[in-house]
Amino acid sequence: MLVAFSVAPSGSPRSGSEPADASVHDAVAAAVRVVRASGLPHRTTSMFTEIEGETWDEVMDVVKRATEAVMPFGSRVSLVLKADIRPGYSGELDGKIERLERAIEESAAD
């Protein structure tokens, strides 16, 4: 199971102080630390963090804890989630990209 998610705070933080530049990088860093500590295969890009796991429970637990890590940074939290559920497959975090690159190379050779 692959899950791509993005989590971000909005509103005033519980501490009452807001970053001057309205950046959410500290909140995102808190979420990414949770993902990295999970031990699940993962990748973070400028817009999403992708994680791969065997079961709903293990993947969604990480998403939940990452979301909770962002909560202190705002009065509310927004979560965007997309899942690719394909039982019996693993290594798809990289496998899907490898197949895409191979298809691009093959079509360029034609």
C-alpha atoms as a PDB file:
ATOM      1  CA  MET A   1       0.000   0.000   0.000  1.00  0.00           C
ATOM      2  CA  LEU A   2       1.318   3.398  -1.001  1.00  0.00           C
ATOM      3  CA  VAL A   3       0.045   6.573   0.604  1.00  0.00           C
ATOM      4  CA  ALA A   4       0.936  10.095  -0.473  1.00  0.00           C
ATOM      5  CA  PHE A   5      -0.046  12.740   2.026  1.00  0.00           C
ATOM      6  CA  SER A   6       0.391  16.394   2.764  1.00  0.00           C
ATOM      7  CA  VAL A   7      -0.321  17.870   6.156  1.00  0.00           C
ATOM      8  CA  ALA A   8      -0.203  21.552   7.068  1.00  0.00           C
ATOM      9  CA  PRO A   9      -1.385  23.772   9.897  1.00  0.00           C
ATOM     10  CA  SER A  10      -3.526  26.843   9.522  1.00  0.00           C
ATOM     11  CA  GLY A  11      -4.717  29.486  11.937  1.00  0.00           C
ATOM     12  CA  SER A  12      -2.838  30.753  14.934  1.00  0.00           C
ATOM     13  CA  PRO A  13      -0.635  28.240  16.730  1.00  0.00           C
ATOM     14  CA  ARG A  14      -1.547  27.259  20.248  1.00  0.00           C
ATOM     15  CA  SER A  15       1.580  29.061  21.456  1.00  0.00           C
ATOM     16  CA  GLY A  16       0.188  32.297  20.020  1.00  0.00           C
ATOM     17  CA  SER A  17       3.279  33.130  17.959  1.00  0.00           C
ATOM     18  CA  GLU A  18       3.210  32.843  14.184  1.00  0.00           C
ATOM     19  CA  PRO A  19       6.239  32.633  11.870  1.00  0.00           C
ATOM     20  CA  ALA A  20       6.893  35.982  10.208  1.00  0.00           C
ATOM     21  CA  ASP A  21       7.086  34.447   6.730  1.00  0.00           C
ATOM     22  CA  ALA A  22       3.947  32.250   7.072  1.00  0.00           C
ATOM     23  CA  SER A  23       6.098  29.218   6.258  1.00  0.00           C
ATOM     24  CA  VAL A  24       5.006  25.820   7.498  1.00  0.00           C
ATOM     25  CA  HIS A  25       8.418  24.161   7.249  1.00  0.00           C
ATOM     26  CA  ASP A  26       8.755  23.623  11.014  1.00  0.00           C
ATOM     27  CA  ALA A  27       5.385  21.865  11.112  1.00  0.00           C
ATOM     28  CA  VAL A  28       6.232  19.764   8.060  1.00  0.00           C
ATOM     29  CA  ALA A  29       9.574  18.872   9.654  1.00  0.00           C
ATOM     30  CA  ALA A  30       7.714  17.581  12.713  1.00  0.00           C
ATOM     31  CA  ALA A  31       5.558  15.358  10.482  1.00  0.00           C
ATOM     32  CA  VAL A  32       8.515  14.090   8.460  1.00  0.00           C
ATOM     33  CA  ARG A  33      10.393  13.178  11.647  1.00  0.00           C
ATOM     34  CA  VAL A  34       7.463  10.901  12.546  1.00  0.00           C
ATOM     35  CA  VAL A  35       7.560   9.294   9.092  1.00  0.00           C
ATOM     36  CA  ARG A  36      11.321   8.732   9.256  1.00  0.00           C
ATOM     37  CA  ALA A  37      11.100   7.243  12.743  1.00  0.00           C
ATOM     38  CA  SER A  38       8.429   4.779  11.552  1.00  0.00           C
ATOM     39  CA  GLY A  39      10.952   2.714   9.622  1.00  0.00           C
ATOM     40  CA  LEU A  40       8.582   2.423   6.647  1.00  0.00           C
ATOM     41  CA  PRO A  41       9.963   3.127   3.170  1.00  0.00           C
ATOM     42  CA  HIS A  42       9.259   6.774   2.387  1.00  0.00           C
ATOM     43  CA  ARG A  43      10.051   9.735   0.161  1.00  0.00           C
ATOM     44  CA  THR A  44       9.407  13.423   0.743  1.00  0.00           C
ATOM     45  CA  THR A  45       9.093  15.898  -2.115  1.00  0.00           C
ATOM     46  CA  SER A  46       8.213  19.573  -2.147  1.00  0.00           C
ATOM     47  CA  MET A  47       4.475  18.804  -2.059  1.00  0.00           C
ATOM     48  CA  PHE A  48       3.897  15.345  -0.544  1.00  0.00           C
ATOM     49  CA  THR A  49       5.376  12.612   1.585  1.00  0.00           C
ATOM     50  CA  GLU A  50       4.919   9.075   0.297  1.00  0.00           C
ATOM     51  CA  ILE A  51       5.071   6.033   2.544  1.00  0.00           C
ATOM     52  CA  GLU A  52       4.742   2.330   1.812  1.00  0.00           C
ATOM     53  CA  GLY A  53       3.497  -0.388   4.123  1.00  0.00           C
ATOM     54  CA  GLU A  54       1.856  -3.780   4.164  1.00  0.00           C
ATOM     55  CA  THR A  55      -1.380  -2.878   5.942  1.00  0.00           C
ATOM     56  CA  TRP A  56      -3.850  -0.043   6.362  1.00  0.00           C
ATOM     57  CA  ASP A  57      -3.214  -0.025  10.082  1.00  0.00           C
ATOM     58  CA  GLU A  58       0.550   0.483   9.925  1.00  0.00           C
ATOM     59  CA  VAL A  59       0.380   3.156   7.212  1.00  0.00           C
ATOM     60  CA  MET A  60      -2.561   5.060   8.673  1.00  0.00           C
ATOM     61  CA  ASP A  61      -0.967   4.985  12.130  1.00  0.00           C
ATOM     62  CA  VAL A  62       2.009   6.890  10.717  1.00  0.00           C
ATOM     63  CA  VAL A  63      -0.262   9.372   8.920  1.00  0.00           C
ATOM     64  CA  LYS A  64      -2.237   9.909  12.130  1.00  0.00           C
ATOM     65  CA  ARG A  65       0.889  10.466  14.238  1.00  0.00           C
ATOM     66  CA  ALA A  66       2.380  12.810  11.608  1.00  0.00           C
ATOM     67  CA  THR A  67      -0.863  14.801  11.595  1.00  0.00           C
ATOM     68  CA  GLU A  68      -0.862  14.967  15.386  1.00  0.00           C
ATOM     69  CA  ALA A  69       2.734  16.249  15.286  1.00  0.00           C
ATOM     70  CA  VAL A  70       1.537  19.235  13.224  1.00  0.00           C
ATOM     71  CA  MET A  71      -1.362  20.148  15.535  1.00  0.00           C
ATOM     72  CA  PRO A  72       0.641  22.418  17.882  1.00  0.00           C
ATOM     73  CA  PHE A  73       1.545  24.653  14.917  1.00  0.00           C
ATOM     74  CA  GLY A  74      -1.985  25.900  14.213  1.00  0.00           C
ATOM     75  CA  SER A  75      -5.549  26.010  15.404  1.00  0.00           C
ATOM     76  CA  ARG A  76      -6.484  23.493  12.702  1.00  0.00           C
ATOM     77  CA  VAL A  77      -4.734  21.020  10.426  1.00  0.00           C
ATOM     78  CA  SER A  78      -5.372  20.176   6.785  1.00  0.00           C
ATOM     79  CA  LEU A  79      -4.629  16.657   5.538  1.00  0.00           C
ATOM     80  CA  VAL A  80      -4.610  15.618   1.879  1.00  0.00           C
ATOM     81  CA  LEU A  81      -4.237  11.891   1.285  1.00  0.00           C
ATOM     82  CA  LYS A  82      -4.067   9.660  -1.766  1.00  0.00           C
ATOM     83  CA  ALA A  83      -3.656   5.880  -1.595  1.00  0.00           C
ATOM     84  CA  ASP A  84      -2.707   3.124  -4.035  1.00  0.00           C
ATOM     85  CA  ILE A  85      -3.968  -0.119  -2.533  1.00  0.00           C
ATOM     86  CA  ARG A  86      -2.494  -3.144  -4.283  1.00  0.00           C
ATOM     87  CA  PRO A  87      -2.385  -6.218  -2.035  1.00  0.00           C
ATOM     88  CA  GLY A  88       0.540  -8.559  -2.506  1.00  0.00           C
ATOM     89  CA  TYR A  89       2.921  -5.953  -3.903  1.00  0.00           C
ATOM     90  CA  SER A  90       5.870  -4.337  -2.170  1.00  0.00           C
ATOM     91  CA  GLY A  91       8.715  -2.147  -3.347  1.00  0.00           C
ATOM     92  CA  GLU A  92       6.285  -0.037  -5.338  1.00  0.00           C
ATOM     93  CA  LEU A  93       7.607   3.250  -3.964  1.00  0.00           C
ATOM     94  CA  ASP A  94      10.504   2.826  -6.376  1.00  0.00           C
ATOM     95  CA  GLY A  95       9.010   0.180  -8.681  1.00  0.00           C
ATOM     96  CA  LYS A  96       6.384   2.489 -10.144  1.00  0.00           C
ATOM     97  CA  ILE A  97       9.011   5.126 -10.963  1.00  0.00           C
ATOM     98  CA  GLU A  98      11.348   2.544 -12.504  1.00  0.00           C
ATOM     99  CA  ARG A  99       8.557   1.270 -14.791  1.00  0.00           C
ATOM    100  CA  LEU A 100       7.667   4.830 -15.781  1.00  0.00           C
ATOM    101  CA  GLU A 101      11.278   5.689 -16.659  1.00  0.00           C
ATOM    102  CA  ARG A 102      11.611   2.459 -18.669  1.00  0.00           C
ATOM    103  CA  ALA A 103       8.426   3.309 -20.613  1.00  0.00           C
ATOM    104  CA  ILE A 104       9.732   6.805 -21.372  1.00  0.00           C
ATOM    105  CA  GLU A 105      13.055   5.428 -22.592  1.00  0.00           C
ATOM    106  CA  GLU A 106      11.333   2.813 -24.742  1.00  0.00           C
ATOM    107  CA  SER A 107       8.985   5.343 -26.330  1.00  0.00           C
ATOM    108  CA  ALA A 108      11.911   7.690 -27.053  1.00  0.00           C
ATOM    109  CA  ALA A 109      13.726   4.858 -28.844  1.00  0.00           C
ATOM    110  CA  ASP A 110      10.782   4.328 -31.229  1.00  0.00           C
END
